[in-house]
C-alpha atoms as a PDB file:
ATOM      1  CA  UNK A   1     129.257 -35.254  13.784  1.00  0.00           C
ATOM      2  CA  UNK A   2     127.569 -33.648  16.814  1.00  0.00           C
ATOM      3  CA  UNK A   3     130.430 -31.129  17.188  1.00  0.00           C
ATOM      4  CA  UNK A   4     130.058 -30.096  13.522  1.00  0.00           C
ATOM      5  CA  UNK A   5     126.297 -29.511  13.896  1.00  0.00           C
ATOM      6  CA  UNK A   6     126.851 -27.491  17.093  1.00  0.00           C
ATOM      7  CA  UNK A   7     129.446 -25.358  15.272  1.00  0.00           C
ATOM      8  CA  UNK A   8     127.098 -24.884  12.317  1.00  0.00           C
ATOM      9  CA  UNK A   9     124.264 -23.931  14.694  1.00  0.00           C
ATOM     10  CA  UNK A  10     126.421 -21.315  16.381  1.00  0.00           C
ATOM     11  CA  UNK A  11     127.488 -19.935  12.992  1.00  0.00           C
ATOM     12  CA  UNK A  12     123.844 -19.593  11.914  1.00  0.00           C
ATOM     13  CA  UNK A  13     122.962 -17.912  15.204  1.00  0.00           C
ATOM     14  CA  UNK A  14     125.737 -15.370  14.716  1.00  0.00           C
ATOM     15  CA  UNK A  15     124.713 -14.809  11.097  1.00  0.00           C
ATOM     16  CA  UNK A  16     121.040 -14.339  12.029  1.00  0.00           C
ATOM     17  CA  UNK A  17     122.118 -12.037  14.849  1.00  0.00           C
ATOM     18  CA  UNK A  18     124.197  -9.931  12.460  1.00  0.00           C
ATOM     19  CA  UNK A  19     121.344  -9.668   9.946  1.00  0.00           C
ATOM     20  CA  UNK A  20     118.933  -8.789  12.768  1.00  0.00           C
ATOM     21  CA  UNK A  21     121.219  -6.022  14.050  1.00  0.00           C
ATOM     22  CA  UNK A  22     121.600  -4.589  10.533  1.00  0.00           C
ATOM     23  CA  UNK A  23     117.813  -4.613  10.013  1.00  0.00           C
ATOM     24  CA  UNK A  24     117.191  -3.004  13.394  1.00  0.00           C
ATOM     25  CA  UNK A  25     119.848  -0.344  12.762  1.00  0.00           C
ATOM     26  CA  UNK A  26     118.450   0.376   9.277  1.00  0.00           C
ATOM     27  CA  UNK A  27     114.917   0.826  10.600  1.00  0.00           C
ATOM     28  CA  UNK A  28     116.064   3.064  13.443  1.00  0.00           C
ATOM     29  CA  UNK A  29     118.253   5.102  11.066  1.00  0.00           C
ATOM     30  CA  UNK A  30     115.310   5.634   8.723  1.00  0.00           C
ATOM     31  CA  UNK A  31     113.282   6.884  11.666  1.00  0.00           C
ATOM     32  CA  UNK A  32     116.108   9.067  12.992  1.00  0.00           C
ATOM     33  CA  UNK A  33     117.241  10.565   9.681  1.00  0.00           C
ATOM     34  CA  UNK A  34     114.023  10.734   7.664  1.00  0.00           C
ATOM     35  CA  UNK A  35     110.766  10.525   9.589  1.00  0.00           C
ATOM     36  CA  UNK A  36     111.691  12.421  12.769  1.00  0.00           C
ATOM     37  CA  UNK A  37     113.538  15.318  11.025  1.00  0.00           C
ATOM     38  CA  UNK A  38     110.673  15.777   8.555  1.00  0.00           C
ATOM     39  CA  UNK A  39     108.074  15.988  11.326  1.00  0.00           C
ATOM     40  CA  UNK A  40     110.348  18.229  13.435  1.00  0.00           C
ATOM     41  CA  UNK A  41     110.933  20.618  10.494  1.00  0.00           C
ATOM     42  CA  UNK A  42     107.225  20.713   9.733  1.00  0.00           C
ATOM     43  CA  UNK A  43     106.440  21.526  13.387  1.00  0.00           C
ATOM     44  CA  UNK A  44     109.013  24.362  13.371  1.00  0.00           C
ATOM     45  CA  UNK A  45     107.698  25.742  10.085  1.00  0.00           C
ATOM     46  CA  UNK A  46     104.150  26.079  11.379  1.00  0.00           C
ATOM     47  CA  UNK A  47     105.262  29.286  13.121  1.00  0.00           C
ATOM     48  CA  UNK A  48     107.058  30.796  10.133  1.00  0.00           C
ATOM     49  CA  UNK A  49     105.751  33.975   8.513  1.00  0.00           C
ATOM     50  CA  UNK A  50     104.477  34.323   4.927  1.00  0.00           C
ATOM     51  CA  UNK A  51     106.545  36.591   2.660  1.00  0.00           C
ATOM     52  CA  UNK A  52     106.230  37.271  -1.085  1.00  0.00           C
ATOM     53  CA  UNK A  53     109.127  36.000  -3.192  1.00  0.00           C
ATOM     54  CA  UNK A  54     110.213  36.324  -6.801  1.00  0.00           C
ATOM     55  CA  UNK A  55     111.050  32.995  -8.484  1.00  0.00           C
ATOM     56  CA  UNK A  56     114.375  33.081 -10.334  1.00  0.00           C
ATOM     57  CA  UNK A  57     114.283  29.480 -11.580  1.00  0.00           C
ATOM     58  CA  UNK A  58     112.123  26.392 -11.175  1.00  0.00           C
ATOM     59  CA  UNK A  59     112.170  22.915 -12.662  1.00  0.00           C
ATOM     60  CA  UNK A  60     111.345  19.295 -11.963  1.00  0.00           C
ATOM     61  CA  UNK A  61     114.437  17.180 -11.292  1.00  0.00           C
ATOM     62  CA  UNK A  62     114.211  13.486 -12.172  1.00  0.00           C
ATOM     63  CA  UNK A  63     116.776  10.948 -11.066  1.00  0.00           C
ATOM     64  CA  UNK A  64     117.200   7.200 -11.143  1.00  0.00           C
ATOM     65  CA  UNK A  65     117.048   5.183  -7.932  1.00  0.00           C
ATOM     66  CA  UNK A  66     119.534   2.402  -7.208  1.00  0.00           C
ATOM     67  CA  UNK A  67     116.890  -0.349  -7.523  1.00  0.00           C
ATOM     68  CA  UNK A  68     115.319   1.102 -10.632  1.00  0.00           C
ATOM     69  CA  UNK A  69     112.442   3.500 -10.734  1.00  0.00           C
ATOM     70  CA  UNK A  70     112.582   7.271 -10.589  1.00  0.00           C
ATOM     71  CA  UNK A  71     112.583   9.907  -7.900  1.00  0.00           C
ATOM     72  CA  UNK A  72     111.437  13.491  -8.358  1.00  0.00           C
ATOM     73  CA  UNK A  73     112.157  16.809  -6.689  1.00  0.00           C
ATOM     74  CA  UNK A  74     110.988  20.332  -7.384  1.00  0.00           C
ATOM     75  CA  UNK A  75     114.100  22.505  -7.685  1.00  0.00           C
ATOM     76  CA  UNK A  76     113.661  26.238  -7.168  1.00  0.00           C
ATOM     77  CA  UNK A  77     115.611  29.407  -6.535  1.00  0.00           C
ATOM     78  CA  UNK A  78     113.830  32.536  -5.307  1.00  0.00           C
ATOM     79  CA  UNK A  79     114.490  35.996  -3.813  1.00  0.00           C
ATOM     80  CA  UNK A  80     112.622  37.584  -0.938  1.00  0.00           C
ATOM     81  CA  UNK A  81     112.979  40.428   1.555  1.00  0.00           C
ATOM     82  CA  UNK A  82     112.623  39.660   5.256  1.00  0.00           C
ATOM     83  CA  UNK A  83     113.300  42.080   8.100  1.00  0.00           C
ATOM     84  CA  UNK A  84     114.652  44.621   5.605  1.00  0.00           C
ATOM     85  CA  UNK A  85     117.268  42.302   4.108  1.00  0.00           C
ATOM     86  CA  UNK A  86     117.188  40.547   0.742  1.00  0.00           C
ATOM     87  CA  UNK A  87     117.660  36.769   0.860  1.00  0.00           C
ATOM     88  CA  UNK A  88     117.866  33.940  -1.644  1.00  0.00           C
ATOM     89  CA  UNK A  89     116.104  30.650  -0.985  1.00  0.00           C
ATOM     90  CA  UNK A  90     116.211  27.244  -2.615  1.00  0.00           C
ATOM     91  CA  UNK A  91     114.052  25.001  -0.442  1.00  0.00           C
ATOM     92  CA  UNK A  92     110.912  23.886  -2.254  1.00  0.00           C
ATOM     93  CA  UNK A  93     109.308  21.627   0.369  1.00  0.00           C
ATOM     94  CA  UNK A  94     109.659  20.424   3.961  1.00  0.00           C
ATOM     95  CA  UNK A  95     111.413  17.260   2.803  1.00  0.00           C
ATOM     96  CA  UNK A  96     113.714  18.601   0.128  1.00  0.00           C
ATOM     97  CA  UNK A  97     115.316  15.284  -0.763  1.00  0.00           C
ATOM     98  CA  UNK A  98     112.680  14.241  -3.293  1.00  0.00           C
ATOM     99  CA  UNK A  99     110.762  10.974  -3.561  1.00  0.00           C
ATOM    100  CA  UNK A 100     108.860   8.770  -5.986  1.00  0.00           C
ATOM    101  CA  UNK A 101     105.582  10.725  -5.619  1.00  0.00           C
ATOM    102  CA  UNK A 102     105.813  12.623  -8.912  1.00  0.00           C
ATOM    103  CA  UNK A 103     102.490  14.488  -8.847  1.00  0.00           C
ATOM    104  CA  UNK A 104     103.374  16.680  -5.849  1.00  0.00           C
ATOM    105  CA  UNK A 105     106.759  17.700  -7.246  1.00  0.00           C
ATOM    106  CA  UNK A 106     105.386  18.163 -10.781  1.00  0.00           C
ATOM    107  CA  UNK A 107     102.557  20.433  -9.591  1.00  0.00           C
ATOM    108  CA  UNK A 108     104.895  22.462  -7.366  1.00  0.00           C
ATOM    109  CA  UNK A 109     107.504  22.860 -10.121  1.00  0.00           C
ATOM    110  CA  UNK A 110     104.789  23.830 -12.642  1.00  0.00           C
ATOM    111  CA  UNK A 111     103.284  26.410 -10.260  1.00  0.00           C
ATOM    112  CA  UNK A 112     106.687  27.939  -9.550  1.00  0.00           C
ATOM    113  CA  UNK A 113     107.731  27.913 -13.226  1.00  0.00           C
ATOM    114  CA  UNK A 114     104.450  29.616 -14.230  1.00  0.00           C
ATOM    115  CA  UNK A 115     104.981  32.292 -11.562  1.00  0.00           C
ATOM    116  CA  UNK A 116     108.520  32.856 -12.843  1.00  0.00           C
ATOM    117  CA  UNK A 117     107.349  33.063 -16.468  1.00  0.00           C
ATOM    118  CA  UNK A 118     104.556  35.548 -15.613  1.00  0.00           C
ATOM    119  CA  UNK A 119     106.745  37.518 -13.180  1.00  0.00           C
ATOM    120  CA  UNK A 120     104.264  37.201 -10.301  1.00  0.00           C
ATOM    121  CA  UNK A 121     105.424  36.652  -6.732  1.00  0.00           C
ATOM    122  CA  UNK A 122     104.784  33.442  -4.801  1.00  0.00           C
ATOM    123  CA  UNK A 123     104.302  33.065  -1.088  1.00  0.00           C
ATOM    124  CA  UNK A 124     107.216  31.546   0.823  1.00  0.00           C
ATOM    125  CA  UNK A 125     107.454  30.849   4.535  1.00  0.00           C
ATOM    126  CA  UNK A 126     110.313  32.497   6.449  1.00  0.00           C
ATOM    127  CA  UNK A 127     111.726  31.648   9.865  1.00  0.00           C
ATOM    128  CA  UNK A 128     111.341  34.833  11.971  1.00  0.00           C
ATOM    129  CA  UNK A 129     114.333  33.861  14.157  1.00  0.00           C
ATOM    130  CA  UNK A 130     116.531  33.198  11.108  1.00  0.00           C
ATOM    131  CA  UNK A 131     115.190  35.048   8.028  1.00  0.00           C
ATOM    132  CA  UNK A 132     117.740  33.339   5.764  1.00  0.00           C
ATOM    133  CA  UNK A 133     115.780  30.095   6.294  1.00  0.00           C
ATOM    134  CA  UNK A 134     112.698  29.697   4.083  1.00  0.00           C
ATOM    135  CA  UNK A 135     110.532  27.186   2.243  1.00  0.00           C
ATOM    136  CA  UNK A 136     107.931  27.403  -0.522  1.00  0.00           C
ATOM    137  CA  UNK A 137     105.589  24.593   0.573  1.00  0.00           C
ATOM    138  CA  UNK A 138     105.516  23.852   4.286  1.00  0.00           C
ATOM    139  CA  UNK A 139     102.818  21.156   4.160  1.00  0.00           C
ATOM    140  CA  UNK A 140     103.423  17.775   5.768  1.00  0.00           C
ATOM    141  CA  UNK A 141     102.865  15.206   3.029  1.00  0.00           C
ATOM    142  CA  UNK A 142     101.288  12.108   4.534  1.00  0.00           C
ATOM    143  CA  UNK A 143     102.068   9.711   1.655  1.00  0.00           C
ATOM    144  CA  UNK A 144     105.874   9.734   1.793  1.00  0.00           C
ATOM    145  CA  UNK A 145     105.880  10.108   5.574  1.00  0.00           C
ATOM    146  CA  UNK A 146     103.619   7.088   6.141  1.00  0.00           C
ATOM    147  CA  UNK A 147     105.568   5.069   3.556  1.00  0.00           C
ATOM    148  CA  UNK A 148     108.887   5.784   5.332  1.00  0.00           C
ATOM    149  CA  UNK A 149     107.304   5.083   8.715  1.00  0.00           C
ATOM    150  CA  UNK A 150     105.943   1.712   7.534  1.00  0.00           C
ATOM    151  CA  UNK A 151     109.297   0.709   6.036  1.00  0.00           C
ATOM    152  CA  UNK A 152     111.158   1.825   9.186  1.00  0.00           C
ATOM    153  CA  UNK A 153     108.802  -0.031  11.529  1.00  0.00           C
ATOM    154  CA  UNK A 154     108.765  -3.184   9.385  1.00  0.00           C
ATOM    155  CA  UNK A 155     112.565  -3.232   9.063  1.00  0.00           C
ATOM    156  CA  UNK A 156     113.220  -2.468  12.727  1.00  0.00           C
ATOM    157  CA  UNK A 157     110.499  -4.959  13.742  1.00  0.00           C
ATOM    158  CA  UNK A 158     112.062  -7.709  11.626  1.00  0.00           C
ATOM    159  CA  UNK A 159     115.420  -6.974  13.218  1.00  0.00           C
ATOM    160  CA  UNK A 160     113.919  -7.078  16.692  1.00  0.00           C
ATOM    161  CA  UNK A 161     112.172 -10.404  15.983  1.00  0.00           C
ATOM    162  CA  UNK A 162     115.456 -11.797  14.654  1.00  0.00           C
ATOM    163  CA  UNK A 163     117.302 -10.708  17.795  1.00  0.00           C
ATOM    164  CA  UNK A 164     114.633 -12.266  20.025  1.00  0.00           C
ATOM    165  CA  UNK A 165     114.955 -15.504  18.047  1.00  0.00           C
ATOM    166  CA  UNK A 166     118.738 -15.534  18.430  1.00  0.00           C
ATOM    167  CA  UNK A 167     118.586 -14.801  22.158  1.00  0.00           C
ATOM    168  CA  UNK A 168     115.931 -17.504  22.593  1.00  0.00           C
ATOM    169  CA  UNK A 169     118.011 -20.049  20.677  1.00  0.00           C
ATOM    170  CA  UNK A 170     121.127 -19.219  22.715  1.00  0.00           C
ATOM    171  CA  UNK A 171     119.214 -19.534  25.991  1.00  0.00           C
ATOM    172  CA  UNK A 172     117.663 -22.817  24.889  1.00  0.00           C
ATOM    173  CA  UNK A 173     121.046 -24.199  23.905  1.00  0.00           C
ATOM    174  CA  UNK A 174     122.550 -23.170  27.256  1.00  0.00           C
ATOM    175  CA  UNK A 175     119.686 -24.832  29.132  1.00  0.00           C
ATOM    176  CA  UNK A 176     120.182 -27.970  27.052  1.00  0.00           C
ATOM    177  CA  UNK A 177     123.901 -28.023  27.867  1.00  0.00           C
ATOM    178  CA  UNK A 178     123.193 -27.605  31.598  1.00  0.00           C
ATOM    179  CA  UNK A 179     120.639 -30.423  31.455  1.00  0.00           C
ATOM    180  CA  UNK A 180     123.117 -32.679  29.629  1.00  0.00           C
ATOM    181  CA  UNK A 181     125.844 -31.887  32.200  1.00  0.00           C
ATOM    182  CA  UNK A 182     123.507 -32.681  35.062  1.00  0.00           C
ATOM    183  CA  UNK A 183     122.450 -35.926  33.389  1.00  0.00           C
ATOM    184  CA  UNK A 184     126.099 -36.837  32.735  1.00  0.00           C
ATOM    185  CA  UNK A 185     126.927 -36.063  36.389  1.00  0.00           C
ATOM    186  CA  UNK A 186     124.095 -38.249  37.623  1.00  0.00           C
ATOM    187  CA  UNK A 187     125.155 -41.140  35.376  1.00  0.00           C
ATOM    188  CA  UNK A 188     128.776 -40.905  36.556  1.00  0.00           C
ATOM    189  CA  UNK A 189     127.790 -40.715  40.244  1.00  0.00           C
ATOM    190  CA  UNK A 190     125.585 -43.825  40.191  1.00  0.00           C
END
């Protein structure tokens, strides 16, 4: 019976370790592929130059998320001239992937659609080192950024706690085995 419980304990340690590694990797991936790139893009865009652009099309895209709920993204296409060359842009915001914060995307899509309908130019921000790169709204939106940061830290933190628990359990079990061996050795020697 003792061998079966030891085997079960080891299985649970491996399972907890696997879950902990997945949680840690998920949190770090969210940081690496969402939070950090968004902040880095925003920092780069602070030095971009304003240029007037003509909106060709603008709309609010709505999509379903895997766990239910909706995500939104302003979708735009615009023309502008930078450094004497005409360019076409399609980036509406710093984080162009969309999110569940509808009001921002709705207001941006409405503003761009109204400009298109009236034929008035909008201001876009153009990278002076690469004029083909542009964005309509270069603001850093705190809501989605903080939300992703909280989820990333919570997930990575849970994974780290799980790993610490597994390592602690393994160390404790090894100490217990050493103590049992020493006790067995003492009993056999006397």
